[in-house]
Amino acid sequence: AEQCRNGPLVVFAGIKDLKLMKTTQSGFEGFFKNEHTTLPE
């Protein structure tokens, strides 16, 4: 929460350090490639 004098009080919220994994249904294909690219699709 943060506030300036004569200004509005603004509120933020969130979550952090949330570790997630899924073991399939993910890929990475069709990305830009040049002479420095070694990553396979």
Full PDB file with SEQRES, HELIX, SHEET, SSBOND, CRYST1, ORIGX, SCALE, CONECT and MASTER records, all heavy atoms in Angstrom:
SEQRES   1 A   41  ALA GLU GLN CYS ARG ASN GLY PRO LEU VAL VAL PHE ALA          
SEQRES   2 A   41  GLY ILE LYS ASP LEU LYS LEU MET LYS THR THR GLN SER          
SEQRES   3 A   41  GLY PHE GLU GLY PHE PHE LYS ASN GLU HIS THR THR LEU          
SEQRES   4 A   41  PRO GLU                                                      
CRYST1    1.000    1.000    1.000  90.00  90.00  90.00 P 1           1          
ORIGX1      1.000000  0.000000  0.000000        0.00000                         
ORIGX2      0.000000  1.000000  0.000000        0.00000                         
ORIGX3      0.000000  0.000000  1.000000        0.00000                         
SCALE1      1.000000  0.000000  0.000000        0.00000                         
SCALE2      0.000000  1.000000  0.000000        0.00000                         
SCALE3      0.000000  0.000000  1.000000        0.00000                         
ATOM      1  N   ALA A   1       0.869  -1.178   0.000  1.00  0.00           N  
ATOM      2  CA  ALA A   1       0.000   0.000   0.000  1.00  0.00           C  
ATOM      3  C   ALA A   1       0.902   1.223   0.000  1.00  0.00           C  
ATOM      4  O   ALA A   1       1.932   1.243   0.678  1.00  0.00           O  
ATOM      5  CB  ALA A   1      -0.919   0.016   1.218  1.00  0.00           C  
ATOM      6  N   GLU A   2       0.537   2.231  -0.777  1.00  0.00           N  
ATOM      7  CA  GLU A   2       1.337   3.452  -0.804  1.00  0.00           C  
ATOM      8  C   GLU A   2       0.432   4.654  -0.982  1.00  0.00           C  
ATOM      9  O   GLU A   2      -0.638   4.568  -1.597  1.00  0.00           O  
ATOM     10  CB  GLU A   2       2.398   3.399  -1.901  1.00  0.00           C  
ATOM     11  CG  GLU A   2       1.875   3.252  -3.311  1.00  0.00           C  
ATOM     12  CD  GLU A   2       2.997   3.236  -4.341  1.00  0.00           C  
ATOM     13  OE1 GLU A   2       4.156   3.535  -3.983  1.00  0.00           O  
ATOM     14  OE2 GLU A   2       2.701   2.953  -5.505  1.00  0.00           O  
ATOM     15  N   GLN A   3       0.888   5.765  -0.415  1.00  0.00           N  
ATOM     16  CA  GLN A   3       0.087   6.983  -0.469  1.00  0.00           C  
ATOM     17  C   GLN A   3       0.986   8.205  -0.397  1.00  0.00           C  
ATOM     18  O   GLN A   3       1.937   8.240   0.386  1.00  0.00           O  
ATOM     19  CB  GLN A   3      -0.924   7.021   0.682  1.00  0.00           C  
ATOM     20  CG  GLN A   3      -1.876   8.210   0.631  1.00  0.00           C  
ATOM     21  CD  GLN A   3      -2.928   8.165   1.709  1.00  0.00           C  
ATOM     22  OE1 GLN A   3      -2.778   7.445   2.706  1.00  0.00           O  
ATOM     23  NE2 GLN A   3      -4.001   8.908   1.540  1.00  0.00           N  
ATOM     24  N   CYS A   4       0.684   9.187  -1.222  1.00  0.00           N  
ATOM     25  CA  CYS A   4       1.286  10.516  -1.118  1.00  0.00           C  
ATOM     26  C   CYS A   4       0.290  11.430  -0.414  1.00  0.00           C  
ATOM     27  O   CYS A   4      -0.926  11.247  -0.530  1.00  0.00           O  
ATOM     28  CB  CYS A   4       1.624  11.089  -2.497  1.00  0.00           C  
ATOM     29  SG  CYS A   4       2.967  10.254  -3.349  1.00  0.00           S  
ATOM     30  N   ARG A   5       0.823  12.403   0.312  1.00  0.00           N  
ATOM     31  CA  ARG A   5      -0.066  13.341   0.973  1.00  0.00           C  
ATOM     32  C   ARG A   5      -0.935  14.049  -0.071  1.00  0.00           C  
ATOM     33  O   ARG A   5      -0.457  14.463  -1.117  1.00  0.00           O  
ATOM     34  CB  ARG A   5       0.742  14.350   1.794  1.00  0.00           C  
ATOM     35  CG  ARG A   5      -0.119  15.264   2.637  1.00  0.00           C  
ATOM     36  CD  ARG A   5       0.686  15.982   3.702  1.00  0.00           C  
ATOM     37  NE  ARG A   5       1.248  15.061   4.686  1.00  0.00           N  
ATOM     38  CZ  ARG A   5       0.562  14.520   5.695  1.00  0.00           C  
ATOM     39  NH1 ARG A   5      -0.731  14.791   5.836  1.00  0.00           N  
ATOM     40  NH2 ARG A   5       1.155  13.712   6.549  1.00  0.00           N  
ATOM     41  N   ASN A   6      -2.205  14.149   0.207  1.00  0.00           N  
ATOM     42  CA  ASN A   6      -3.198  14.730  -0.706  1.00  0.00           C  
ATOM     43  C   ASN A   6      -3.410  13.880  -1.967  1.00  0.00           C  
ATOM     44  O   ASN A   6      -3.974  14.352  -2.956  1.00  0.00           O  
ATOM     45  CB  ASN A   6      -2.822  16.163  -1.107  1.00  0.00           C  
ATOM     46  CG  ASN A   6      -2.695  17.089   0.098  1.00  0.00           C  
ATOM     47  OD1 ASN A   6      -3.477  16.987   1.035  1.00  0.00           O  
ATOM     48  ND2 ASN A   6      -1.696  17.960   0.076  1.00  0.00           N  
ATOM     49  N   GLY A   7      -2.928  12.634  -1.917  1.00  0.00           N  
ATOM     50  CA  GLY A   7      -3.121  11.743  -3.056  1.00  0.00           C  
ATOM     51  C   GLY A   7      -3.883  10.509  -2.648  1.00  0.00           C  
ATOM     52  O   GLY A   7      -4.156  10.272  -1.465  1.00  0.00           O  
ATOM     53  N   PRO A   8      -4.258   9.680  -3.615  1.00  0.00           N  
ATOM     54  CA  PRO A   8      -5.039   8.477  -3.309  1.00  0.00           C  
ATOM     55  C   PRO A   8      -4.181   7.400  -2.660  1.00  0.00           C  
ATOM     56  O   PRO A   8      -2.960   7.338  -2.859  1.00  0.00           O  
ATOM     57  CB  PRO A   8      -5.530   8.028  -4.691  1.00  0.00           C  
ATOM     58  CG  PRO A   8      -4.464   8.519  -5.626  1.00  0.00           C  
ATOM     59  CD  PRO A   8      -3.987   9.833  -5.059  1.00  0.00           C  
ATOM     60  N   LEU A   9      -4.813   6.558  -1.890  1.00  0.00           N  
ATOM     61  CA  LEU A   9      -4.173   5.374  -1.346  1.00  0.00           C  
ATOM     62  C   LEU A   9      -4.317   4.253  -2.371  1.00  0.00           C  
ATOM     63  O   LEU A   9      -5.428   3.933  -2.798  1.00  0.00           O  
ATOM     64  CB  LEU A   9      -4.836   4.974  -0.025  1.00  0.00           C  
ATOM     65  CG  LEU A   9      -4.311   3.722   0.675  1.00  0.00           C  
ATOM     66  CD1 LEU A   9      -2.858   3.892   1.075  1.00  0.00           C  
ATOM     67  CD2 LEU A   9      -5.159   3.416   1.896  1.00  0.00           C  
ATOM     68  N   VAL A  10      -3.201   3.698  -2.801  1.00  0.00           N  
ATOM     69  CA  VAL A  10      -3.183   2.674  -3.847  1.00  0.00           C  
ATOM     70  C   VAL A  10      -2.749   1.354  -3.226  1.00  0.00           C  
ATOM     71  O   VAL A  10      -1.790   1.302  -2.450  1.00  0.00           O  
ATOM     72  CB  VAL A  10      -2.237   3.074  -4.996  1.00  0.00           C  
ATOM     73  CG1 VAL A  10      -2.235   2.004  -6.086  1.00  0.00           C  
ATOM     74  CG2 VAL A  10      -2.650   4.422  -5.582  1.00  0.00           C  
ATOM     75  N   VAL A  11      -3.467   0.286  -3.579  1.00  0.00           N  
ATOM     76  CA  VAL A  11      -3.210  -1.024  -2.986  1.00  0.00           C  
ATOM     77  C   VAL A  11      -2.846  -2.025  -4.080  1.00  0.00           C  
ATOM     78  O   VAL A  11      -3.494  -2.084  -5.129  1.00  0.00           O  
ATOM     79  CB  VAL A  11      -4.445  -1.523  -2.203  1.00  0.00           C  
ATOM     80  CG1 VAL A  11      -4.182  -2.904  -1.609  1.00  0.00           C  
ATOM     81  CG2 VAL A  11      -4.807  -0.544  -1.083  1.00  0.00           C  
ATOM     82  N   PHE A  12      -1.799  -2.798  -3.817  1.00  0.00           N  
ATOM     83  CA  PHE A  12      -1.366  -3.891  -4.676  1.00  0.00           C  
ATOM     84  C   PHE A  12      -1.395  -5.183  -3.862  1.00  0.00           C  
ATOM     85  O   PHE A  12      -1.289  -5.166  -2.636  1.00  0.00           O  
ATOM     86  CB  PHE A  12       0.064  -3.672  -5.188  1.00  0.00           C  
ATOM     87  CG  PHE A  12       0.281  -2.381  -5.916  1.00  0.00           C  
ATOM     88  CD1 PHE A  12       0.583  -1.219  -5.231  1.00  0.00           C  
ATOM     89  CD2 PHE A  12       0.203  -2.329  -7.302  1.00  0.00           C  
ATOM     90  CE1 PHE A  12       0.778  -0.022  -5.895  1.00  0.00           C  
ATOM     91  CE2 PHE A  12       0.409  -1.141  -7.981  1.00  0.00           C  
ATOM     92  CZ  PHE A  12       0.699   0.023  -7.280  1.00  0.00           C  
ATOM     93  N   ALA A  13      -1.515  -6.294  -4.545  1.00  0.00           N  
ATOM     94  CA  ALA A  13      -1.422  -7.594  -3.893  1.00  0.00           C  
ATOM     95  C   ALA A  13      -0.750  -8.552  -4.852  1.00  0.00           C  
ATOM     96  O   ALA A  13      -0.566  -8.252  -6.041  1.00  0.00           O  
ATOM     97  CB  ALA A  13      -2.797  -8.102  -3.488  1.00  0.00           C  
ATOM     98  N   GLY A  14      -0.376  -9.723  -4.338  1.00  0.00           N  
ATOM     99  CA  GLY A  14       0.266 -10.664  -5.243  1.00  0.00           C  
ATOM    100  C   GLY A  14       0.660 -11.958  -4.569  1.00  0.00           C  
ATOM    101  O   GLY A  14       0.411 -12.190  -3.385  1.00  0.00           O  
ATOM    102  N   ILE A  15       1.292 -12.799  -5.358  1.00  0.00           N  
ATOM    103  CA  ILE A  15       1.840 -14.064  -4.891  1.00  0.00           C  
ATOM    104  C   ILE A  15       3.204 -14.252  -5.534  1.00  0.00           C  
ATOM    105  O   ILE A  15       3.412 -13.891  -6.700  1.00  0.00           O  
ATOM    106  CB  ILE A  15       0.885 -15.233  -5.230  1.00  0.00           C  
ATOM    107  CG1 ILE A  15       1.377 -16.533  -4.609  1.00  0.00           C  
ATOM    108  CG2 ILE A  15       0.679 -15.380  -6.734  1.00  0.00           C  
ATOM    109  CD1 ILE A  15       0.351 -17.653  -4.656  1.00  0.00           C  
ATOM    110  N   LYS A  16       4.152 -14.762  -4.763  1.00  0.00           N  
ATOM    111  CA  LYS A  16       5.504 -14.976  -5.279  1.00  0.00           C  
ATOM    112  C   LYS A  16       6.008 -16.349  -4.819  1.00  0.00           C  
ATOM    113  O   LYS A  16       5.389 -17.016  -3.981  1.00  0.00           O  
ATOM    114  CB  LYS A  16       6.454 -13.881  -4.810  1.00  0.00           C  
ATOM    115  CG  LYS A  16       6.749 -13.895  -3.318  1.00  0.00           C  
ATOM    116  CD  LYS A  16       7.777 -12.835  -2.963  1.00  0.00           C  
ATOM    117  CE  LYS A  16       8.210 -12.956  -1.513  1.00  0.00           C  
ATOM    118  NZ  LYS A  16       9.277 -11.991  -1.164  1.00  0.00           N  
ATOM    119  N   ASP A  17       7.136 -16.767  -5.401  1.00  0.00           N  
ATOM    120  CA  ASP A  17       7.763 -18.050  -5.064  1.00  0.00           C  
ATOM    121  C   ASP A  17       6.783 -19.208  -5.262  1.00  0.00           C  
ATOM    122  O   ASP A  17       6.797 -20.190  -4.515  1.00  0.00           O  
ATOM    123  CB  ASP A  17       8.289 -18.060  -3.620  1.00  0.00           C  
ATOM    124  CG  ASP A  17       9.337 -16.987  -3.372  1.00  0.00           C  
ATOM    125  OD1 ASP A  17       9.908 -16.489  -4.355  1.00  0.00           O  
ATOM    126  OD2 ASP A  17       9.571 -16.639  -2.201  1.00  0.00           O  
ATOM    127  N   LEU A  18       5.941 -19.083  -6.281  1.00  0.00           N  
ATOM    128  CA  LEU A  18       4.988 -20.143  -6.606  1.00  0.00           C  
ATOM    129  C   LEU A  18       5.627 -21.032  -7.676  1.00  0.00           C  
ATOM    130  O   LEU A  18       5.778 -20.622  -8.824  1.00  0.00           O  
ATOM    131  CB  LEU A  18       3.673 -19.547  -7.110  1.00  0.00           C  
ATOM    132  CG  LEU A  18       2.559 -20.525  -7.474  1.00  0.00           C  
ATOM    133  CD1 LEU A  18       2.139 -21.344  -6.270  1.00  0.00           C  
ATOM    134  CD2 LEU A  18       1.356 -19.778  -8.052  1.00  0.00           C  
ATOM    135  N   LYS A  19       6.027 -22.238  -7.291  1.00  0.00           N  
ATOM    136  CA  LYS A  19       6.724 -23.143  -8.201  1.00  0.00           C  
ATOM    137  C   LYS A  19       5.727 -24.069  -8.873  1.00  0.00           C  
ATOM    138  O   LYS A  19       4.958 -24.758  -8.202  1.00  0.00           O  
ATOM    139  CB  LYS A  19       7.785 -23.938  -7.434  1.00  0.00           C  
ATOM    140  CG  LYS A  19       8.900 -23.055  -6.883  1.00  0.00           C  
ATOM    141  CD  LYS A  19       9.967 -23.860  -6.179  1.00  0.00           C  
ATOM    142  CE  LYS A  19      11.079 -22.943  -5.670  1.00  0.00           C  
ATOM    143  NZ  LYS A  19      12.156 -23.707  -4.974  1.00  0.00           N  
ATOM    144  N   LEU A  20       5.746 -24.076 -10.202  1.00  0.00           N  
ATOM    145  CA  LEU A  20       4.776 -24.828 -10.985  1.00  0.00           C  
ATOM    146  C   LEU A  20       5.484 -25.693 -12.023  1.00  0.00           C  
ATOM    147  O   LEU A  20       6.550 -25.319 -12.532  1.00  0.00           O  
ATOM    148  CB  LEU A  20       3.811 -23.877 -11.695  1.00  0.00           C  
ATOM    149  CG  LEU A  20       2.978 -22.942 -10.805  1.00  0.00           C  
ATOM    150  CD1 LEU A  20       2.242 -21.927 -11.666  1.00  0.00           C  
ATOM    151  CD2 LEU A  20       2.006 -23.736  -9.957  1.00  0.00           C  
ATOM    152  N   MET A  21       4.857 -26.817 -12.343  1.00  0.00           N  
ATOM    153  CA  MET A  21       5.402 -27.702 -13.367  1.00  0.00           C  
ATOM    154  C   MET A  21       4.262 -28.456 -14.053  1.00  0.00           C  
ATOM    155  O   MET A  21       3.292 -28.846 -13.406  1.00  0.00           O  
ATOM    156  CB  MET A  21       6.367 -28.728 -12.749  1.00  0.00           C  
ATOM    157  CG  MET A  21       6.855 -29.785 -13.729  1.00  0.00           C  
ATOM    158  SD  MET A  21       7.744 -31.158 -12.954  1.00  0.00           S  
ATOM    159  CE  MET A  21       9.267 -30.328 -12.480  1.00  0.00           C  
ATOM    160  N   LYS A  22       4.383 -28.605 -15.368  1.00  0.00           N  
ATOM    161  CA  LYS A  22       3.578 -29.610 -16.067  1.00  0.00           C  
ATOM    162  C   LYS A  22       4.523 -30.383 -16.967  1.00  0.00           C  
ATOM    163  O   LYS A  22       5.433 -29.812 -17.591  1.00  0.00           O  
ATOM    164  CB  LYS A  22       2.410 -28.992 -16.817  1.00  0.00           C  
ATOM    165  CG  LYS A  22       2.707 -27.986 -17.912  1.00  0.00           C  
ATOM    166  CD  LYS A  22       1.370 -27.514 -18.483  1.00  0.00           C  
ATOM    167  CE  LYS A  22       1.551 -26.585 -19.665  1.00  0.00           C  
ATOM    168  NZ  LYS A  22       0.231 -26.124 -20.195  1.00  0.00           N  
ATOM    169  N   THR A  23       4.314 -31.689 -17.049  1.00  0.00           N  
ATOM    170  CA  THR A  23       5.304 -32.573 -17.649  1.00  0.00           C  
ATOM    171  C   THR A  23       5.089 -32.835 -19.132  1.00  0.00           C  
ATOM    172  O   THR A  23       5.898 -33.514 -19.761  1.00  0.00           O  
ATOM    173  CB  THR A  23       5.321 -33.917 -16.893  1.00  0.00           C  
ATOM    174  OG1 THR A  23       3.986 -34.453 -16.862  1.00  0.00           O  
ATOM    175  CG2 THR A  23       5.804 -33.717 -15.462  1.00  0.00           C  
ATOM    176  N   THR A  24       4.017 -32.262 -19.686  1.00  0.00           N  
ATOM    177  CA  THR A  24       3.770 -32.364 -21.131  1.00  0.00           C  
ATOM    178  C   THR A  24       2.866 -31.204 -21.521  1.00  0.00           C  
ATOM    179  O   THR A  24       2.628 -30.291 -20.722  1.00  0.00           O  
ATOM    180  CB  THR A  24       3.135 -33.717 -21.497  1.00  0.00           C  
ATOM    181  OG1 THR A  24       3.096 -33.847 -22.936  1.00  0.00           O  
ATOM    182  CG2 THR A  24       1.755 -33.860 -20.915  1.00  0.00           C  
ATOM    183  N   GLN A  25       2.360 -31.236 -22.736  1.00  0.00           N  
ATOM    184  CA  GLN A  25       1.503 -30.166 -23.244  1.00  0.00           C  
ATOM    185  C   GLN A  25       2.242 -28.821 -23.258  1.00  0.00           C  
ATOM    186  O   GLN A  25       1.669 -27.785 -22.956  1.00  0.00           O  
ATOM    187  CB  GLN A  25       0.207 -30.046 -22.442  1.00  0.00           C  
ATOM    188  CG  GLN A  25      -0.791 -31.172 -22.678  1.00  0.00           C  
ATOM    189  CD  GLN A  25      -1.511 -31.007 -24.007  1.00  0.00           C  
ATOM    190  OE1 GLN A  25      -0.909 -30.968 -25.077  1.00  0.00           O  
ATOM    191  NE2 GLN A  25      -2.820 -30.900 -23.941  1.00  0.00           N  
ATOM    192  N   SER A  26       3.522 -28.872 -23.585  1.00  0.00           N  
ATOM    193  CA  SER A  26       4.310 -27.644 -23.734  1.00  0.00           C  
ATOM    194  C   SER A  26       5.357 -27.869 -24.811  1.00  0.00           C  
ATOM    195  O   SER A  26       5.904 -28.975 -24.941  1.00  0.00           O  
ATOM    196  CB  SER A  26       4.995 -27.278 -22.412  1.00  0.00           C  
ATOM    197  OG  SER A  26       5.897 -26.199 -22.600  1.00  0.00           O  
ATOM    198  N   GLY A  27       5.611 -26.846 -25.590  1.00  0.00           N  
ATOM    199  CA  GLY A  27       6.629 -26.943 -26.624  1.00  0.00           C  
ATOM    200  C   GLY A  27       7.186 -25.568 -26.953  1.00  0.00           C  
ATOM    201  O   GLY A  27       6.770 -24.551 -26.394  1.00  0.00           O  
ATOM    202  N   PHE A  28       8.127 -25.563 -27.890  1.00  0.00           N  
ATOM    203  CA  PHE A  28       8.697 -24.297 -28.365  1.00  0.00           C  
ATOM    204  C   PHE A  28       9.218 -24.536 -29.775  1.00  0.00           C  
ATOM    205  O   PHE A  28      10.253 -25.175 -29.975  1.00  0.00           O  
ATOM    206  CB  PHE A  28       9.812 -23.824 -27.432  1.00  0.00           C  
ATOM    207  CG  PHE A  28      10.314 -22.439 -27.748  1.00  0.00           C  
ATOM    208  CD1 PHE A  28       9.434 -21.382 -27.931  1.00  0.00           C  
ATOM    209  CD2 PHE A  28      11.679 -22.185 -27.857  1.00  0.00           C  
ATOM    210  CE1 PHE A  28       9.890 -20.102 -28.207  1.00  0.00           C  
ATOM    211  CE2 PHE A  28      12.143 -20.912 -28.133  1.00  0.00           C  
ATOM    212  CZ  PHE A  28      11.254 -19.869 -28.312  1.00  0.00           C  
ATOM    213  N   GLU A  29       8.466 -24.020 -30.758  1.00  0.00           N  
ATOM    214  CA  GLU A  29       8.774 -24.279 -32.163  1.00  0.00           C  
ATOM    215  C   GLU A  29       8.609 -22.996 -32.972  1.00  0.00           C  
ATOM    216  O   GLU A  29       7.956 -22.051 -32.557  1.00  0.00           O  
ATOM    217  CB  GLU A  29       7.833 -25.349 -32.720  1.00  0.00           C  
ATOM    218  CG  GLU A  29       7.848 -26.664 -31.974  1.00  0.00           C  
ATOM    219  CD  GLU A  29       6.798 -27.622 -32.498  1.00  0.00           C  
ATOM    220  OE1 GLU A  29       5.653 -27.595 -31.990  1.00  0.00           O  
ATOM    221  OE2 GLU A  29       7.124 -28.395 -33.421  1.00  0.00           O  
ATOM    222  N   GLY A  30       9.209 -22.979 -34.145  1.00  0.00           N  
ATOM    223  CA  GLY A  30       9.033 -21.872 -35.075  1.00  0.00           C  
ATOM    224  C   GLY A  30       9.698 -20.589 -34.662  1.00  0.00           C  
ATOM    225  O   GLY A  30       9.340 -19.507 -35.152  1.00  0.00           O  
ATOM    226  N   PHE A  31      10.691 -20.654 -33.787  1.00  0.00           N  
ATOM    227  CA  PHE A  31      11.355 -19.434 -33.320  1.00  0.00           C  
ATOM    228  C   PHE A  31      12.422 -18.975 -34.311  1.00  0.00           C  
ATOM    229  O   PHE A  31      12.862 -19.724 -35.189  1.00  0.00           O  
ATOM    230  CB  PHE A  31      11.956 -19.655 -31.930  1.00  0.00           C  
ATOM    231  CG  PHE A  31      12.772 -20.916 -31.787  1.00  0.00           C  
ATOM    232  CD1 PHE A  31      14.106 -20.967 -32.172  1.00  0.00           C  
ATOM    233  CD2 PHE A  31      12.193 -22.075 -31.267  1.00  0.00           C  
ATOM    234  CE1 PHE A  31      14.845 -22.116 -32.041  1.00  0.00           C  
ATOM    235  CE2 PHE A  31      12.929 -23.240 -31.128  1.00  0.00           C  
ATOM    236  CZ  PHE A  31      14.261 -23.266 -31.525  1.00  0.00           C  
ATOM    237  N   PHE A  32      12.853 -17.731 -34.146  1.00  0.00           N  
ATOM    238  CA  PHE A  32      13.866 -17.139 -35.028  1.00  0.00           C  
ATOM    239  C   PHE A  32      15.184 -17.895 -34.874  1.00  0.00           C  
ATOM    240  O   PHE A  32      15.605 -18.222 -33.767  1.00  0.00           O  
ATOM    241  CB  PHE A  32      14.061 -15.663 -34.668  1.00  0.00           C  
ATOM    242  CG  PHE A  32      15.113 -14.972 -35.478  1.00  0.00           C  
ATOM    243  CD1 PHE A  32      14.820 -14.453 -36.729  1.00  0.00           C  
ATOM    244  CD2 PHE A  32      16.416 -14.856 -35.007  1.00  0.00           C  
ATOM    245  CE1 PHE A  32      15.787 -13.813 -37.487  1.00  0.00           C  
ATOM    246  CE2 PHE A  32      17.388 -14.218 -35.754  1.00  0.00           C  
ATOM    247  CZ  PHE A  32      17.076 -13.700 -36.994  1.00  0.00           C  
ATOM    248  N   LYS A  33      15.845 -18.117 -36.000  1.00  0.00           N  
ATOM    249  CA  LYS A  33      17.113 -18.853 -35.982  1.00  0.00           C  
ATOM    250  C   LYS A  33      18.144 -18.103 -36.819  1.00  0.00           C  
ATOM    251  O   LYS A  33      17.822 -17.488 -37.838  1.00  0.00           O  
ATOM    252  CB  LYS A  33      16.926 -20.265 -36.548  1.00  0.00           C  
ATOM    253  CG  LYS A  33      15.869 -21.106 -35.835  1.00  0.00           C  
ATOM    254  CD  LYS A  33      15.719 -22.469 -36.502  1.00  0.00           C  
ATOM    255  CE  LYS A  33      14.608 -23.288 -35.868  1.00  0.00           C  
ATOM    256  NZ  LYS A  33      13.268 -22.724 -36.130  1.00  0.00           N  
ATOM    257  N   ASN A  34      19.390 -18.165 -36.343  1.00  0.00           N  
ATOM    258  CA  ASN A  34      20.513 -17.673 -37.146  1.00  0.00           C  
ATOM    259  C   ASN A  34      21.735 -18.539 -36.840  1.00  0.00           C  
ATOM    260  O   ASN A  34      21.596 -19.626 -36.269  1.00  0.00           O  
ATOM    261  CB  ASN A  34      20.789 -16.176 -36.886  1.00  0.00           C  
ATOM    262  CG  ASN A  34      21.206 -15.895 -35.453  1.00  0.00           C  
ATOM    263  OD1 ASN A  34      21.489 -16.820 -34.686  1.00  0.00           O  
ATOM    264  ND2 ASN A  34      21.250 -14.628 -35.095  1.00  0.00           N  
ATOM    265  N   GLU A  35      22.929 -18.048 -37.204  1.00  0.00           N  
ATOM    266  CA  GLU A  35      24.126 -18.882 -37.062  1.00  0.00           C  
ATOM    267  C   GLU A  35      24.478 -19.182 -35.603  1.00  0.00           C  
ATOM    268  O   GLU A  35      25.289 -20.068 -35.313  1.00  0.00           O  
ATOM    269  CB  GLU A  35      25.324 -18.215 -37.763  1.00  0.00           C  
ATOM    270  CG  GLU A  35      25.809 -16.903 -37.129  1.00  0.00           C  
ATOM    271  CD  GLU A  35      25.054 -15.685 -37.647  1.00  0.00           C  
ATOM    272  OE1 GLU A  35      23.960 -15.878 -38.216  1.00  0.00           O  
ATOM    273  OE2 GLU A  35      25.581 -14.572 -37.477  1.00  0.00           O  
ATOM    274  N   HIS A  36      23.875 -18.442 -34.657  1.00  0.00           N  
ATOM    275  CA  HIS A  36      24.172 -18.666 -33.243  1.00  0.00           C  
ATOM    276  C   HIS A  36      23.147 -19.572 -32.562  1.00  0.00           C  
ATOM    277  O   HIS A  36      23.261 -19.838 -31.362  1.00  0.00           O  
ATOM    278  CB  HIS A  36      24.216 -17.332 -32.500  1.00  0.00           C  
ATOM    279  CG  HIS A  36      25.212 -16.362 -33.066  1.00  0.00           C  
ATOM    280  ND1 HIS A  36      26.561 -16.611 -33.092  1.00  0.00           N  
ATOM    281  CD2 HIS A  36      25.049 -15.143 -33.644  1.00  0.00           C  
ATOM    282  CE1 HIS A  36      27.187 -15.592 -33.654  1.00  0.00           C  
ATOM    283  NE2 HIS A  36      26.291 -14.690 -34.002  1.00  0.00           N  
ATOM    284  N   THR A  37      22.169 -20.032 -33.317  1.00  0.00           N  
ATOM    285  CA  THR A  37      21.105 -20.840 -32.721  1.00  0.00           C  
ATOM    286  C   THR A  37      21.521 -22.304 -32.658  1.00  0.00           C  
ATOM    287  O   THR A  37      21.875 -22.901 -33.680  1.00  0.00           O  
ATOM    288  CB  THR A  37      19.801 -20.717 -33.545  1.00  0.00           C  
ATOM    289  OG1 THR A  37      19.424 -19.349 -33.617  1.00  0.00           O  
ATOM    290  CG2 THR A  37      18.681 -21.511 -32.885  1.00  0.00           C  
ATOM    291  N   THR A  38      21.501 -22.872 -31.465  1.00  0.00           N  
ATOM    292  CA  THR A  38      21.790 -24.297 -31.275  1.00  0.00           C  
ATOM    293  C   THR A  38      20.613 -25.033 -30.644  1.00  0.00           C  
ATOM    294  O   THR A  38      20.609 -26.260 -30.595  1.00  0.00           O  
ATOM    295  CB  THR A  38      23.024 -24.490 -30.363  1.00  0.00           C  
ATOM    296  OG1 THR A  38      22.784 -23.870 -29.092  1.00  0.00           O  
ATOM    297  CG2 THR A  38      24.265 -23.866 -30.998  1.00  0.00           C  
ATOM    298  N   LEU A  39      19.620 -24.300 -30.176  1.00  0.00           N  
ATOM    299  CA  LEU A  39      18.476 -24.909 -29.494  1.00  0.00           C  
ATOM    300  C   LEU A  39      17.592 -25.647 -30.488  1.00  0.00           C  
ATOM    301  O   LEU A  39      17.136 -25.068 -31.472  1.00  0.00           O  
ATOM    302  CB  LEU A  39      17.657 -23.835 -28.772  1.00  0.00           C  
ATOM    303  CG  LEU A  39      16.456 -24.332 -27.948  1.00  0.00           C  
ATOM    304  CD1 LEU A  39      16.943 -25.034 -26.686  1.00  0.00           C  
ATOM    305  CD2 LEU A  39      15.535 -23.161 -27.606  1.00  0.00           C  
ATOM    306  N   PRO A  40      17.322 -26.922 -30.263  1.00  0.00           N  
ATOM    307  CA  PRO A  40      16.416 -27.650 -31.164  1.00  0.00           C  
ATOM    308  C   PRO A  40      14.962 -27.294 -30.867  1.00  0.00           C  
ATOM    309  O   PRO A  40      14.607 -26.908 -29.754  1.00  0.00           O  
ATOM    310  CB  PRO A  40      16.692 -29.117 -30.827  1.00  0.00           C  
ATOM    311  CG  PRO A  40      17.113 -29.101 -29.378  1.00  0.00           C  
ATOM    312  CD  PRO A  40      17.871 -27.800 -29.206  1.00  0.00           C  
ATOM    313  N   GLU A  41      14.121 -27.437 -31.880  1.00  0.00           N  
ATOM    314  CA  GLU A  41      12.689 -27.250 -31.647  1.00  0.00           C  
ATOM    315  C   GLU A  41      12.140 -28.426 -30.846  1.00  0.00           C  
ATOM    316  O   GLU A  41      12.592 -29.559 -31.006  1.00  0.00           O  
ATOM    317  CB  GLU A  41      11.953 -27.119 -32.983  1.00  0.00           C  
ATOM    318  CG  GLU A  41      12.292 -25.858 -33.740  1.00  0.00           C  
ATOM    319  CD  GLU A  41      11.317 -25.594 -34.881  1.00  0.00           C  
ATOM    320  OE1 GLU A  41      10.472 -26.472 -35.145  1.00  0.00           O  
ATOM    321  OE2 GLU A  41      11.385 -24.508 -35.481  1.00  0.00           O  
TER     322      GLU A  41                                                      
MASTER        0    0    0    0    0    0    0    6  321    1    0    4          
END                                                                             
